[in-house]
Amino acid sequence: LGYFSLCELARVRLPFGLGIERDIG
């Protein structure tokens, strides 16, 4: 449990041009 930054997660760049995603379901 803890705190995390939405901006930092949004800036993450992953392989294949992907980023962190939201589980819409």
PDBML (XML) file of the C-alpha atoms, coordinates in Angstrom:
<?xml version="1.0" encoding="UTF-8" ?>
<PDBx:datablock datablockName="MODEL"
   xmlns:PDBx="http://pdbml.pdb.org/schema/pdbx-v50.xsd"
   xmlns:xsi="http://www.w3.org/2001/XMLSchema-instance"
   xsi:schemaLocation="http://pdbml.pdb.org/schema/pdbx-v50.xsd pdbx-v50.xsd">
   <PDBx:atom_siteCategory>
      <PDBx:atom_site id="1">
         <PDBx:B_iso_or_equiv>0.00</PDBx:B_iso_or_equiv>
         <PDBx:Cartn_x>0.000</PDBx:Cartn_x>
         <PDBx:Cartn_y>0.000</PDBx:Cartn_y>
         <PDBx:Cartn_z>0.000</PDBx:Cartn_z>
         <PDBx:auth_asym_id>A</PDBx:auth_asym_id>
         <PDBx:auth_atom_id>CA</PDBx:auth_atom_id>
         <PDBx:auth_comp_id>LEU</PDBx:auth_comp_id>
         <PDBx:auth_seq_id>1</PDBx:auth_seq_id>
         <PDBx:group_PDB>ATOM</PDBx:group_PDB>
         <PDBx:label_alt_id xsi:nil="true" />
         <PDBx:label_asym_id>A</PDBx:label_asym_id>
         <PDBx:label_atom_id>CA</PDBx:label_atom_id>
         <PDBx:label_comp_id>LEU</PDBx:label_comp_id>
         <PDBx:label_entity_id>1</PDBx:label_entity_id>
         <PDBx:label_seq_id>1</PDBx:label_seq_id>
         <PDBx:occupancy>1.00</PDBx:occupancy>
         <PDBx:pdbx_PDB_model_num>1</PDBx:pdbx_PDB_model_num>
         <PDBx:type_symbol>C</PDBx:type_symbol>
      </PDBx:atom_site>
      <PDBx:atom_site id="2">
         <PDBx:B_iso_or_equiv>0.00</PDBx:B_iso_or_equiv>
         <PDBx:Cartn_x>1.231</PDBx:Cartn_x>
         <PDBx:Cartn_y>3.485</PDBx:Cartn_y>
         <PDBx:Cartn_z>-0.724</PDBx:Cartn_z>
         <PDBx:auth_asym_id>A</PDBx:auth_asym_id>
         <PDBx:auth_atom_id>CA</PDBx:auth_atom_id>
         <PDBx:auth_comp_id>GLY</PDBx:auth_comp_id>
         <PDBx:auth_seq_id>2</PDBx:auth_seq_id>
         <PDBx:group_PDB>ATOM</PDBx:group_PDB>
         <PDBx:label_alt_id xsi:nil="true" />
         <PDBx:label_asym_id>A</PDBx:label_asym_id>
         <PDBx:label_atom_id>CA</PDBx:label_atom_id>
         <PDBx:label_comp_id>GLY</PDBx:label_comp_id>
         <PDBx:label_entity_id>1</PDBx:label_entity_id>
         <PDBx:label_seq_id>2</PDBx:label_seq_id>
         <PDBx:occupancy>1.00</PDBx:occupancy>
         <PDBx:pdbx_PDB_model_num>1</PDBx:pdbx_PDB_model_num>
         <PDBx:type_symbol>C</PDBx:type_symbol>
      </PDBx:atom_site>
      <PDBx:atom_site id="3">
         <PDBx:B_iso_or_equiv>0.00</PDBx:B_iso_or_equiv>
         <PDBx:Cartn_x>1.260</PDBx:Cartn_x>
         <PDBx:Cartn_y>6.537</PDBx:Cartn_y>
         <PDBx:Cartn_z>-2.940</PDBx:Cartn_z>
         <PDBx:auth_asym_id>A</PDBx:auth_asym_id>
         <PDBx:auth_atom_id>CA</PDBx:auth_atom_id>
         <PDBx:auth_comp_id>TYR</PDBx:auth_comp_id>
         <PDBx:auth_seq_id>3</PDBx:auth_seq_id>
         <PDBx:group_PDB>ATOM</PDBx:group_PDB>
         <PDBx:label_alt_id xsi:nil="true" />
         <PDBx:label_asym_id>A</PDBx:label_asym_id>
         <PDBx:label_atom_id>CA</PDBx:label_atom_id>
         <PDBx:label_comp_id>TYR</PDBx:label_comp_id>
         <PDBx:label_entity_id>1</PDBx:label_entity_id>
         <PDBx:label_seq_id>3</PDBx:label_seq_id>
         <PDBx:occupancy>1.00</PDBx:occupancy>
         <PDBx:pdbx_PDB_model_num>1</PDBx:pdbx_PDB_model_num>
         <PDBx:type_symbol>C</PDBx:type_symbol>
      </PDBx:atom_site>
      <PDBx:atom_site id="4">
         <PDBx:B_iso_or_equiv>0.00</PDBx:B_iso_or_equiv>
         <PDBx:Cartn_x>2.224</PDBx:Cartn_x>
         <PDBx:Cartn_y>6.720</PDBx:Cartn_y>
         <PDBx:Cartn_z>-6.614</PDBx:Cartn_z>
         <PDBx:auth_asym_id>A</PDBx:auth_asym_id>
         <PDBx:auth_atom_id>CA</PDBx:auth_atom_id>
         <PDBx:auth_comp_id>PHE</PDBx:auth_comp_id>
         <PDBx:auth_seq_id>4</PDBx:auth_seq_id>
         <PDBx:group_PDB>ATOM</PDBx:group_PDB>
         <PDBx:label_alt_id xsi:nil="true" />
         <PDBx:label_asym_id>A</PDBx:label_asym_id>
         <PDBx:label_atom_id>CA</PDBx:label_atom_id>
         <PDBx:label_comp_id>PHE</PDBx:label_comp_id>
         <PDBx:label_entity_id>1</PDBx:label_entity_id>
         <PDBx:label_seq_id>4</PDBx:label_seq_id>
         <PDBx:occupancy>1.00</PDBx:occupancy>
         <PDBx:pdbx_PDB_model_num>1</PDBx:pdbx_PDB_model_num>
         <PDBx:type_symbol>C</PDBx:type_symbol>
      </PDBx:atom_site>
      <PDBx:atom_site id="5">
         <PDBx:B_iso_or_equiv>0.00</PDBx:B_iso_or_equiv>
         <PDBx:Cartn_x>2.288</PDBx:Cartn_x>
         <PDBx:Cartn_y>9.415</PDBx:Cartn_y>
         <PDBx:Cartn_z>-9.267</PDBx:Cartn_z>
         <PDBx:auth_asym_id>A</PDBx:auth_asym_id>
         <PDBx:auth_atom_id>CA</PDBx:auth_atom_id>
         <PDBx:auth_comp_id>SER</PDBx:auth_comp_id>
         <PDBx:auth_seq_id>5</PDBx:auth_seq_id>
         <PDBx:group_PDB>ATOM</PDBx:group_PDB>
         <PDBx:label_alt_id xsi:nil="true" />
         <PDBx:label_asym_id>A</PDBx:label_asym_id>
         <PDBx:label_atom_id>CA</PDBx:label_atom_id>
         <PDBx:label_comp_id>SER</PDBx:label_comp_id>
         <PDBx:label_entity_id>1</PDBx:label_entity_id>
         <PDBx:label_seq_id>5</PDBx:label_seq_id>
         <PDBx:occupancy>1.00</PDBx:occupancy>
         <PDBx:pdbx_PDB_model_num>1</PDBx:pdbx_PDB_model_num>
         <PDBx:type_symbol>C</PDBx:type_symbol>
      </PDBx:atom_site>
      <PDBx:atom_site id="6">
         <PDBx:B_iso_or_equiv>0.00</PDBx:B_iso_or_equiv>
         <PDBx:Cartn_x>-0.122</PDBx:Cartn_x>
         <PDBx:Cartn_y>9.364</PDBx:Cartn_y>
         <PDBx:Cartn_z>-12.177</PDBx:Cartn_z>
         <PDBx:auth_asym_id>A</PDBx:auth_asym_id>
         <PDBx:auth_atom_id>CA</PDBx:auth_atom_id>
         <PDBx:auth_comp_id>LEU</PDBx:auth_comp_id>
         <PDBx:auth_seq_id>6</PDBx:auth_seq_id>
         <PDBx:group_PDB>ATOM</PDBx:group_PDB>
         <PDBx:label_alt_id xsi:nil="true" />
         <PDBx:label_asym_id>A</PDBx:label_asym_id>
         <PDBx:label_atom_id>CA</PDBx:label_atom_id>
         <PDBx:label_comp_id>LEU</PDBx:label_comp_id>
         <PDBx:label_entity_id>1</PDBx:label_entity_id>
         <PDBx:label_seq_id>6</PDBx:label_seq_id>
         <PDBx:occupancy>1.00</PDBx:occupancy>
         <PDBx:pdbx_PDB_model_num>1</PDBx:pdbx_PDB_model_num>
         <PDBx:type_symbol>C</PDBx:type_symbol>
      </PDBx:atom_site>
      <PDBx:atom_site id="7">
         <PDBx:B_iso_or_equiv>0.00</PDBx:B_iso_or_equiv>
         <PDBx:Cartn_x>2.208</PDBx:Cartn_x>
         <PDBx:Cartn_y>11.659</PDBx:Cartn_y>
         <PDBx:Cartn_z>-14.165</PDBx:Cartn_z>
         <PDBx:auth_asym_id>A</PDBx:auth_asym_id>
         <PDBx:auth_atom_id>CA</PDBx:auth_atom_id>
         <PDBx:auth_comp_id>CYS</PDBx:auth_comp_id>
         <PDBx:auth_seq_id>7</PDBx:auth_seq_id>
         <PDBx:group_PDB>ATOM</PDBx:group_PDB>
         <PDBx:label_alt_id xsi:nil="true" />
         <PDBx:label_asym_id>A</PDBx:label_asym_id>
         <PDBx:label_atom_id>CA</PDBx:label_atom_id>
         <PDBx:label_comp_id>CYS</PDBx:label_comp_id>
         <PDBx:label_entity_id>1</PDBx:label_entity_id>
         <PDBx:label_seq_id>7</PDBx:label_seq_id>
         <PDBx:occupancy>1.00</PDBx:occupancy>
         <PDBx:pdbx_PDB_model_num>1</PDBx:pdbx_PDB_model_num>
         <PDBx:type_symbol>C</PDBx:type_symbol>
      </PDBx:atom_site>
      <PDBx:atom_site id="8">
         <PDBx:B_iso_or_equiv>0.00</PDBx:B_iso_or_equiv>
         <PDBx:Cartn_x>5.172</PDBx:Cartn_x>
         <PDBx:Cartn_y>9.332</PDBx:Cartn_y>
         <PDBx:Cartn_z>-13.649</PDBx:Cartn_z>
         <PDBx:auth_asym_id>A</PDBx:auth_asym_id>
         <PDBx:auth_atom_id>CA</PDBx:auth_atom_id>
         <PDBx:auth_comp_id>GLU</PDBx:auth_comp_id>
         <PDBx:auth_seq_id>8</PDBx:auth_seq_id>
         <PDBx:group_PDB>ATOM</PDBx:group_PDB>
         <PDBx:label_alt_id xsi:nil="true" />
         <PDBx:label_asym_id>A</PDBx:label_asym_id>
         <PDBx:label_atom_id>CA</PDBx:label_atom_id>
         <PDBx:label_comp_id>GLU</PDBx:label_comp_id>
         <PDBx:label_entity_id>1</PDBx:label_entity_id>
         <PDBx:label_seq_id>8</PDBx:label_seq_id>
         <PDBx:occupancy>1.00</PDBx:occupancy>
         <PDBx:pdbx_PDB_model_num>1</PDBx:pdbx_PDB_model_num>
         <PDBx:type_symbol>C</PDBx:type_symbol>
      </PDBx:atom_site>
      <PDBx:atom_site id="9">
         <PDBx:B_iso_or_equiv>0.00</PDBx:B_iso_or_equiv>
         <PDBx:Cartn_x>3.151</PDBx:Cartn_x>
         <PDBx:Cartn_y>6.311</PDBx:Cartn_y>
         <PDBx:Cartn_z>-14.757</PDBx:Cartn_z>
         <PDBx:auth_asym_id>A</PDBx:auth_asym_id>
         <PDBx:auth_atom_id>CA</PDBx:auth_atom_id>
         <PDBx:auth_comp_id>LEU</PDBx:auth_comp_id>
         <PDBx:auth_seq_id>9</PDBx:auth_seq_id>
         <PDBx:group_PDB>ATOM</PDBx:group_PDB>
         <PDBx:label_alt_id xsi:nil="true" />
         <PDBx:label_asym_id>A</PDBx:label_asym_id>
         <PDBx:label_atom_id>CA</PDBx:label_atom_id>
         <PDBx:label_comp_id>LEU</PDBx:label_comp_id>
         <PDBx:label_entity_id>1</PDBx:label_entity_id>
         <PDBx:label_seq_id>9</PDBx:label_seq_id>
         <PDBx:occupancy>1.00</PDBx:occupancy>
         <PDBx:pdbx_PDB_model_num>1</PDBx:pdbx_PDB_model_num>
         <PDBx:type_symbol>C</PDBx:type_symbol>
      </PDBx:atom_site>
      <PDBx:atom_site id="10">
         <PDBx:B_iso_or_equiv>0.00</PDBx:B_iso_or_equiv>
         <PDBx:Cartn_x>1.902</PDBx:Cartn_x>
         <PDBx:Cartn_y>8.206</PDBx:Cartn_y>
         <PDBx:Cartn_z>-17.820</PDBx:Cartn_z>
         <PDBx:auth_asym_id>A</PDBx:auth_asym_id>
         <PDBx:auth_atom_id>CA</PDBx:auth_atom_id>
         <PDBx:auth_comp_id>ALA</PDBx:auth_comp_id>
         <PDBx:auth_seq_id>10</PDBx:auth_seq_id>
         <PDBx:group_PDB>ATOM</PDBx:group_PDB>
         <PDBx:label_alt_id xsi:nil="true" />
         <PDBx:label_asym_id>A</PDBx:label_asym_id>
         <PDBx:label_atom_id>CA</PDBx:label_atom_id>
         <PDBx:label_comp_id>ALA</PDBx:label_comp_id>
         <PDBx:label_entity_id>1</PDBx:label_entity_id>
         <PDBx:label_seq_id>10</PDBx:label_seq_id>
         <PDBx:occupancy>1.00</PDBx:occupancy>
         <PDBx:pdbx_PDB_model_num>1</PDBx:pdbx_PDB_model_num>
         <PDBx:type_symbol>C</PDBx:type_symbol>
      </PDBx:atom_site>
      <PDBx:atom_site id="11">
         <PDBx:B_iso_or_equiv>0.00</PDBx:B_iso_or_equiv>
         <PDBx:Cartn_x>5.513</PDBx:Cartn_x>
         <PDBx:Cartn_y>9.000</PDBx:Cartn_y>
         <PDBx:Cartn_z>-18.811</PDBx:Cartn_z>
         <PDBx:auth_asym_id>A</PDBx:auth_asym_id>
         <PDBx:auth_atom_id>CA</PDBx:auth_atom_id>
         <PDBx:auth_comp_id>ARG</PDBx:auth_comp_id>
         <PDBx:auth_seq_id>11</PDBx:auth_seq_id>
         <PDBx:group_PDB>ATOM</PDBx:group_PDB>
         <PDBx:label_alt_id xsi:nil="true" />
         <PDBx:label_asym_id>A</PDBx:label_asym_id>
         <PDBx:label_atom_id>CA</PDBx:label_atom_id>
         <PDBx:label_comp_id>ARG</PDBx:label_comp_id>
         <PDBx:label_entity_id>1</PDBx:label_entity_id>
         <PDBx:label_seq_id>11</PDBx:label_seq_id>
         <PDBx:occupancy>1.00</PDBx:occupancy>
         <PDBx:pdbx_PDB_model_num>1</PDBx:pdbx_PDB_model_num>
         <PDBx:type_symbol>C</PDBx:type_symbol>
      </PDBx:atom_site>
      <PDBx:atom_site id="12">
         <PDBx:B_iso_or_equiv>0.00</PDBx:B_iso_or_equiv>
         <PDBx:Cartn_x>6.688</PDBx:Cartn_x>
         <PDBx:Cartn_y>5.362</PDBx:Cartn_y>
         <PDBx:Cartn_z>-18.710</PDBx:Cartn_z>
         <PDBx:auth_asym_id>A</PDBx:auth_asym_id>
         <PDBx:auth_atom_id>CA</PDBx:auth_atom_id>
         <PDBx:auth_comp_id>VAL</PDBx:auth_comp_id>
         <PDBx:auth_seq_id>12</PDBx:auth_seq_id>
         <PDBx:group_PDB>ATOM</PDBx:group_PDB>
         <PDBx:label_alt_id xsi:nil="true" />
         <PDBx:label_asym_id>A</PDBx:label_asym_id>
         <PDBx:label_atom_id>CA</PDBx:label_atom_id>
         <PDBx:label_comp_id>VAL</PDBx:label_comp_id>
         <PDBx:label_entity_id>1</PDBx:label_entity_id>
         <PDBx:label_seq_id>12</PDBx:label_seq_id>
         <PDBx:occupancy>1.00</PDBx:occupancy>
         <PDBx:pdbx_PDB_model_num>1</PDBx:pdbx_PDB_model_num>
         <PDBx:type_symbol>C</PDBx:type_symbol>
      </PDBx:atom_site>
      <PDBx:atom_site id="13">
         <PDBx:B_iso_or_equiv>0.00</PDBx:B_iso_or_equiv>
         <PDBx:Cartn_x>7.802</PDBx:Cartn_x>
         <PDBx:Cartn_y>4.190</PDBx:Cartn_y>
         <PDBx:Cartn_z>-22.157</PDBx:Cartn_z>
         <PDBx:auth_asym_id>A</PDBx:auth_asym_id>
         <PDBx:auth_atom_id>CA</PDBx:auth_atom_id>
         <PDBx:auth_comp_id>ARG</PDBx:auth_comp_id>
         <PDBx:auth_seq_id>13</PDBx:auth_seq_id>
         <PDBx:group_PDB>ATOM</PDBx:group_PDB>
         <PDBx:label_alt_id xsi:nil="true" />
         <PDBx:label_asym_id>A</PDBx:label_asym_id>
         <PDBx:label_atom_id>CA</PDBx:label_atom_id>
         <PDBx:label_comp_id>ARG</PDBx:label_comp_id>
         <PDBx:label_entity_id>1</PDBx:label_entity_id>
         <PDBx:label_seq_id>13</PDBx:label_seq_id>
         <PDBx:occupancy>1.00</PDBx:occupancy>
         <PDBx:pdbx_PDB_model_num>1</PDBx:pdbx_PDB_model_num>
         <PDBx:type_symbol>C</PDBx:type_symbol>
      </PDBx:atom_site>
      <PDBx:atom_site id="14">
         <PDBx:B_iso_or_equiv>0.00</PDBx:B_iso_or_equiv>
         <PDBx:Cartn_x>7.829</PDBx:Cartn_x>
         <PDBx:Cartn_y>0.457</PDBx:Cartn_y>
         <PDBx:Cartn_z>-22.743</PDBx:Cartn_z>
         <PDBx:auth_asym_id>A</PDBx:auth_asym_id>
         <PDBx:auth_atom_id>CA</PDBx:auth_atom_id>
         <PDBx:auth_comp_id>LEU</PDBx:auth_comp_id>
         <PDBx:auth_seq_id>14</PDBx:auth_seq_id>
         <PDBx:group_PDB>ATOM</PDBx:group_PDB>
         <PDBx:label_alt_id xsi:nil="true" />
         <PDBx:label_asym_id>A</PDBx:label_asym_id>
         <PDBx:label_atom_id>CA</PDBx:label_atom_id>
         <PDBx:label_comp_id>LEU</PDBx:label_comp_id>
         <PDBx:label_entity_id>1</PDBx:label_entity_id>
         <PDBx:label_seq_id>14</PDBx:label_seq_id>
         <PDBx:occupancy>1.00</PDBx:occupancy>
         <PDBx:pdbx_PDB_model_num>1</PDBx:pdbx_PDB_model_num>
         <PDBx:type_symbol>C</PDBx:type_symbol>
      </PDBx:atom_site>
      <PDBx:atom_site id="15">
         <PDBx:B_iso_or_equiv>0.00</PDBx:B_iso_or_equiv>
         <PDBx:Cartn_x>8.995</PDBx:Cartn_x>
         <PDBx:Cartn_y>-1.714</PDBx:Cartn_y>
         <PDBx:Cartn_z>-25.649</PDBx:Cartn_z>
         <PDBx:auth_asym_id>A</PDBx:auth_asym_id>
         <PDBx:auth_atom_id>CA</PDBx:auth_atom_id>
         <PDBx:auth_comp_id>PRO</PDBx:auth_comp_id>
         <PDBx:auth_seq_id>15</PDBx:auth_seq_id>
         <PDBx:group_PDB>ATOM</PDBx:group_PDB>
         <PDBx:label_alt_id xsi:nil="true" />
         <PDBx:label_asym_id>A</PDBx:label_asym_id>
         <PDBx:label_atom_id>CA</PDBx:label_atom_id>
         <PDBx:label_comp_id>PRO</PDBx:label_comp_id>
         <PDBx:label_entity_id>1</PDBx:label_entity_id>
         <PDBx:label_seq_id>15</PDBx:label_seq_id>
         <PDBx:occupancy>1.00</PDBx:occupancy>
         <PDBx:pdbx_PDB_model_num>1</PDBx:pdbx_PDB_model_num>
         <PDBx:type_symbol>C</PDBx:type_symbol>
      </PDBx:atom_site>
      <PDBx:atom_site id="16">
         <PDBx:B_iso_or_equiv>0.00</PDBx:B_iso_or_equiv>
         <PDBx:Cartn_x>7.049</PDBx:Cartn_x>
         <PDBx:Cartn_y>-1.539</PDBx:Cartn_y>
         <PDBx:Cartn_z>-28.923</PDBx:Cartn_z>
         <PDBx:auth_asym_id>A</PDBx:auth_asym_id>
         <PDBx:auth_atom_id>CA</PDBx:auth_atom_id>
         <PDBx:auth_comp_id>PHE</PDBx:auth_comp_id>
         <PDBx:auth_seq_id>16</PDBx:auth_seq_id>
         <PDBx:group_PDB>ATOM</PDBx:group_PDB>
         <PDBx:label_alt_id xsi:nil="true" />
         <PDBx:label_asym_id>A</PDBx:label_asym_id>
         <PDBx:label_atom_id>CA</PDBx:label_atom_id>
         <PDBx:label_comp_id>PHE</PDBx:label_comp_id>
         <PDBx:label_entity_id>1</PDBx:label_entity_id>
         <PDBx:label_seq_id>16</PDBx:label_seq_id>
         <PDBx:occupancy>1.00</PDBx:occupancy>
         <PDBx:pdbx_PDB_model_num>1</PDBx:pdbx_PDB_model_num>
         <PDBx:type_symbol>C</PDBx:type_symbol>
      </PDBx:atom_site>
      <PDBx:atom_site id="17">
         <PDBx:B_iso_or_equiv>0.00</PDBx:B_iso_or_equiv>
         <PDBx:Cartn_x>5.966</PDBx:Cartn_x>
         <PDBx:Cartn_y>2.048</PDBx:Cartn_y>
         <PDBx:Cartn_z>-28.182</PDBx:Cartn_z>
         <PDBx:auth_asym_id>A</PDBx:auth_asym_id>
         <PDBx:auth_atom_id>CA</PDBx:auth_atom_id>
         <PDBx:auth_comp_id>GLY</PDBx:auth_comp_id>
         <PDBx:auth_seq_id>17</PDBx:auth_seq_id>
         <PDBx:group_PDB>ATOM</PDBx:group_PDB>
         <PDBx:label_alt_id xsi:nil="true" />
         <PDBx:label_asym_id>A</PDBx:label_asym_id>
         <PDBx:label_atom_id>CA</PDBx:label_atom_id>
         <PDBx:label_comp_id>GLY</PDBx:label_comp_id>
         <PDBx:label_entity_id>1</PDBx:label_entity_id>
         <PDBx:label_seq_id>17</PDBx:label_seq_id>
         <PDBx:occupancy>1.00</PDBx:occupancy>
         <PDBx:pdbx_PDB_model_num>1</PDBx:pdbx_PDB_model_num>
         <PDBx:type_symbol>C</PDBx:type_symbol>
      </PDBx:atom_site>
      <PDBx:atom_site id="18">
         <PDBx:B_iso_or_equiv>0.00</PDBx:B_iso_or_equiv>
         <PDBx:Cartn_x>3.638</PDBx:Cartn_x>
         <PDBx:Cartn_y>0.968</PDBx:Cartn_y>
         <PDBx:Cartn_z>-25.399</PDBx:Cartn_z>
         <PDBx:auth_asym_id>A</PDBx:auth_asym_id>
         <PDBx:auth_atom_id>CA</PDBx:auth_atom_id>
         <PDBx:auth_comp_id>LEU</PDBx:auth_comp_id>
         <PDBx:auth_seq_id>18</PDBx:auth_seq_id>
         <PDBx:group_PDB>ATOM</PDBx:group_PDB>
         <PDBx:label_alt_id xsi:nil="true" />
         <PDBx:label_asym_id>A</PDBx:label_asym_id>
         <PDBx:label_atom_id>CA</PDBx:label_atom_id>
         <PDBx:label_comp_id>LEU</PDBx:label_comp_id>
         <PDBx:label_entity_id>1</PDBx:label_entity_id>
         <PDBx:label_seq_id>18</PDBx:label_seq_id>
         <PDBx:occupancy>1.00</PDBx:occupancy>
         <PDBx:pdbx_PDB_model_num>1</PDBx:pdbx_PDB_model_num>
         <PDBx:type_symbol>C</PDBx:type_symbol>
      </PDBx:atom_site>
      <PDBx:atom_site id="19">
         <PDBx:B_iso_or_equiv>0.00</PDBx:B_iso_or_equiv>
         <PDBx:Cartn_x>2.918</PDBx:Cartn_x>
         <PDBx:Cartn_y>2.685</PDBx:Cartn_y>
         <PDBx:Cartn_z>-22.106</PDBx:Cartn_z>
         <PDBx:auth_asym_id>A</PDBx:auth_asym_id>
         <PDBx:auth_atom_id>CA</PDBx:auth_atom_id>
         <PDBx:auth_comp_id>GLY</PDBx:auth_comp_id>
         <PDBx:auth_seq_id>19</PDBx:auth_seq_id>
         <PDBx:group_PDB>ATOM</PDBx:group_PDB>
         <PDBx:label_alt_id xsi:nil="true" />
         <PDBx:label_asym_id>A</PDBx:label_asym_id>
         <PDBx:label_atom_id>CA</PDBx:label_atom_id>
         <PDBx:label_comp_id>GLY</PDBx:label_comp_id>
         <PDBx:label_entity_id>1</PDBx:label_entity_id>
         <PDBx:label_seq_id>19</PDBx:label_seq_id>
         <PDBx:occupancy>1.00</PDBx:occupancy>
         <PDBx:pdbx_PDB_model_num>1</PDBx:pdbx_PDB_model_num>
         <PDBx:type_symbol>C</PDBx:type_symbol>
      </PDBx:atom_site>
      <PDBx:atom_site id="20">
         <PDBx:B_iso_or_equiv>0.00</PDBx:B_iso_or_equiv>
         <PDBx:Cartn_x>1.090</PDBx:Cartn_x>
         <PDBx:Cartn_y>1.950</PDBx:Cartn_y>
         <PDBx:Cartn_z>-18.881</PDBx:Cartn_z>
         <PDBx:auth_asym_id>A</PDBx:auth_asym_id>
         <PDBx:auth_atom_id>CA</PDBx:auth_atom_id>
         <PDBx:auth_comp_id>ILE</PDBx:auth_comp_id>
         <PDBx:auth_seq_id>20</PDBx:auth_seq_id>
         <PDBx:group_PDB>ATOM</PDBx:group_PDB>
         <PDBx:label_alt_id xsi:nil="true" />
         <PDBx:label_asym_id>A</PDBx:label_asym_id>
         <PDBx:label_atom_id>CA</PDBx:label_atom_id>
         <PDBx:label_comp_id>ILE</PDBx:label_comp_id>
         <PDBx:label_entity_id>1</PDBx:label_entity_id>
         <PDBx:label_seq_id>20</PDBx:label_seq_id>
         <PDBx:occupancy>1.00</PDBx:occupancy>
         <PDBx:pdbx_PDB_model_num>1</PDBx:pdbx_PDB_model_num>
         <PDBx:type_symbol>C</PDBx:type_symbol>
      </PDBx:atom_site>
      <PDBx:atom_site id="21">
         <PDBx:B_iso_or_equiv>0.00</PDBx:B_iso_or_equiv>
         <PDBx:Cartn_x>-2.563</PDBx:Cartn_x>
         <PDBx:Cartn_y>1.177</PDBx:Cartn_y>
         <PDBx:Cartn_z>-19.602</PDBx:Cartn_z>
         <PDBx:auth_asym_id>A</PDBx:auth_asym_id>
         <PDBx:auth_atom_id>CA</PDBx:auth_atom_id>
         <PDBx:auth_comp_id>GLU</PDBx:auth_comp_id>
         <PDBx:auth_seq_id>21</PDBx:auth_seq_id>
         <PDBx:group_PDB>ATOM</PDBx:group_PDB>
         <PDBx:label_alt_id xsi:nil="true" />
         <PDBx:label_asym_id>A</PDBx:label_asym_id>
         <PDBx:label_atom_id>CA</PDBx:label_atom_id>
         <PDBx:label_comp_id>GLU</PDBx:label_comp_id>
         <PDBx:label_entity_id>1</PDBx:label_entity_id>
         <PDBx:label_seq_id>21</PDBx:label_seq_id>
         <PDBx:occupancy>1.00</PDBx:occupancy>
         <PDBx:pdbx_PDB_model_num>1</PDBx:pdbx_PDB_model_num>
         <PDBx:type_symbol>C</PDBx:type_symbol>
      </PDBx:atom_site>
      <PDBx:atom_site id="22">
         <PDBx:B_iso_or_equiv>0.00</PDBx:B_iso_or_equiv>
         <PDBx:Cartn_x>-5.881</PDBx:Cartn_x>
         <PDBx:Cartn_y>1.341</PDBx:Cartn_y>
         <PDBx:Cartn_z>-17.782</PDBx:Cartn_z>
         <PDBx:auth_asym_id>A</PDBx:auth_asym_id>
         <PDBx:auth_atom_id>CA</PDBx:auth_atom_id>
         <PDBx:auth_comp_id>ARG</PDBx:auth_comp_id>
         <PDBx:auth_seq_id>22</PDBx:auth_seq_id>
         <PDBx:group_PDB>ATOM</PDBx:group_PDB>
         <PDBx:label_alt_id xsi:nil="true" />
         <PDBx:label_asym_id>A</PDBx:label_asym_id>
         <PDBx:label_atom_id>CA</PDBx:label_atom_id>
         <PDBx:label_comp_id>ARG</PDBx:label_comp_id>
         <PDBx:label_entity_id>1</PDBx:label_entity_id>
         <PDBx:label_seq_id>22</PDBx:label_seq_id>
         <PDBx:occupancy>1.00</PDBx:occupancy>
         <PDBx:pdbx_PDB_model_num>1</PDBx:pdbx_PDB_model_num>
         <PDBx:type_symbol>C</PDBx:type_symbol>
      </PDBx:atom_site>
      <PDBx:atom_site id="23">
         <PDBx:B_iso_or_equiv>0.00</PDBx:B_iso_or_equiv>
         <PDBx:Cartn_x>-7.964</PDBx:Cartn_x>
         <PDBx:Cartn_y>-1.808</PDBx:Cartn_y>
         <PDBx:Cartn_z>-17.450</PDBx:Cartn_z>
         <PDBx:auth_asym_id>A</PDBx:auth_asym_id>
         <PDBx:auth_atom_id>CA</PDBx:auth_atom_id>
         <PDBx:auth_comp_id>ASP</PDBx:auth_comp_id>
         <PDBx:auth_seq_id>23</PDBx:auth_seq_id>
         <PDBx:group_PDB>ATOM</PDBx:group_PDB>
         <PDBx:label_alt_id xsi:nil="true" />
         <PDBx:label_asym_id>A</PDBx:label_asym_id>
         <PDBx:label_atom_id>CA</PDBx:label_atom_id>
         <PDBx:label_comp_id>ASP</PDBx:label_comp_id>
         <PDBx:label_entity_id>1</PDBx:label_entity_id>
         <PDBx:label_seq_id>23</PDBx:label_seq_id>
         <PDBx:occupancy>1.00</PDBx:occupancy>
         <PDBx:pdbx_PDB_model_num>1</PDBx:pdbx_PDB_model_num>
         <PDBx:type_symbol>C</PDBx:type_symbol>
      </PDBx:atom_site>
      <PDBx:atom_site id="24">
         <PDBx:B_iso_or_equiv>0.00</PDBx:B_iso_or_equiv>
         <PDBx:Cartn_x>-11.210</PDBx:Cartn_x>
         <PDBx:Cartn_y>-0.459</PDBx:Cartn_y>
         <PDBx:Cartn_z>-18.893</PDBx:Cartn_z>
         <PDBx:auth_asym_id>A</PDBx:auth_asym_id>
         <PDBx:auth_atom_id>CA</PDBx:auth_atom_id>
         <PDBx:auth_comp_id>ILE</PDBx:auth_comp_id>
         <PDBx:auth_seq_id>24</PDBx:auth_seq_id>
         <PDBx:group_PDB>ATOM</PDBx:group_PDB>
         <PDBx:label_alt_id xsi:nil="true" />
         <PDBx:label_asym_id>A</PDBx:label_asym_id>
         <PDBx:label_atom_id>CA</PDBx:label_atom_id>
         <PDBx:label_comp_id>ILE</PDBx:label_comp_id>
         <PDBx:label_entity_id>1</PDBx:label_entity_id>
         <PDBx:label_seq_id>24</PDBx:label_seq_id>
         <PDBx:occupancy>1.00</PDBx:occupancy>
         <PDBx:pdbx_PDB_model_num>1</PDBx:pdbx_PDB_model_num>
         <PDBx:type_symbol>C</PDBx:type_symbol>
      </PDBx:atom_site>
      <PDBx:atom_site id="25">
         <PDBx:B_iso_or_equiv>0.00</PDBx:B_iso_or_equiv>
         <PDBx:Cartn_x>-13.201</PDBx:Cartn_x>
         <PDBx:Cartn_y>-3.481</PDBx:Cartn_y>
         <PDBx:Cartn_z>-17.684</PDBx:Cartn_z>
         <PDBx:auth_asym_id>A</PDBx:auth_asym_id>
         <PDBx:auth_atom_id>CA</PDBx:auth_atom_id>
         <PDBx:auth_comp_id>GLY</PDBx:auth_comp_id>
         <PDBx:auth_seq_id>25</PDBx:auth_seq_id>
         <PDBx:group_PDB>ATOM</PDBx:group_PDB>
         <PDBx:label_alt_id xsi:nil="true" />
         <PDBx:label_asym_id>A</PDBx:label_asym_id>
         <PDBx:label_atom_id>CA</PDBx:label_atom_id>
         <PDBx:label_comp_id>GLY</PDBx:label_comp_id>
         <PDBx:label_entity_id>1</PDBx:label_entity_id>
         <PDBx:label_seq_id>25</PDBx:label_seq_id>
         <PDBx:occupancy>1.00</PDBx:occupancy>
         <PDBx:pdbx_PDB_model_num>1</PDBx:pdbx_PDB_model_num>
         <PDBx:type_symbol>C</PDBx:type_symbol>
      </PDBx:atom_site>
   </PDBx:atom_siteCategory>
</PDBx:datablock>
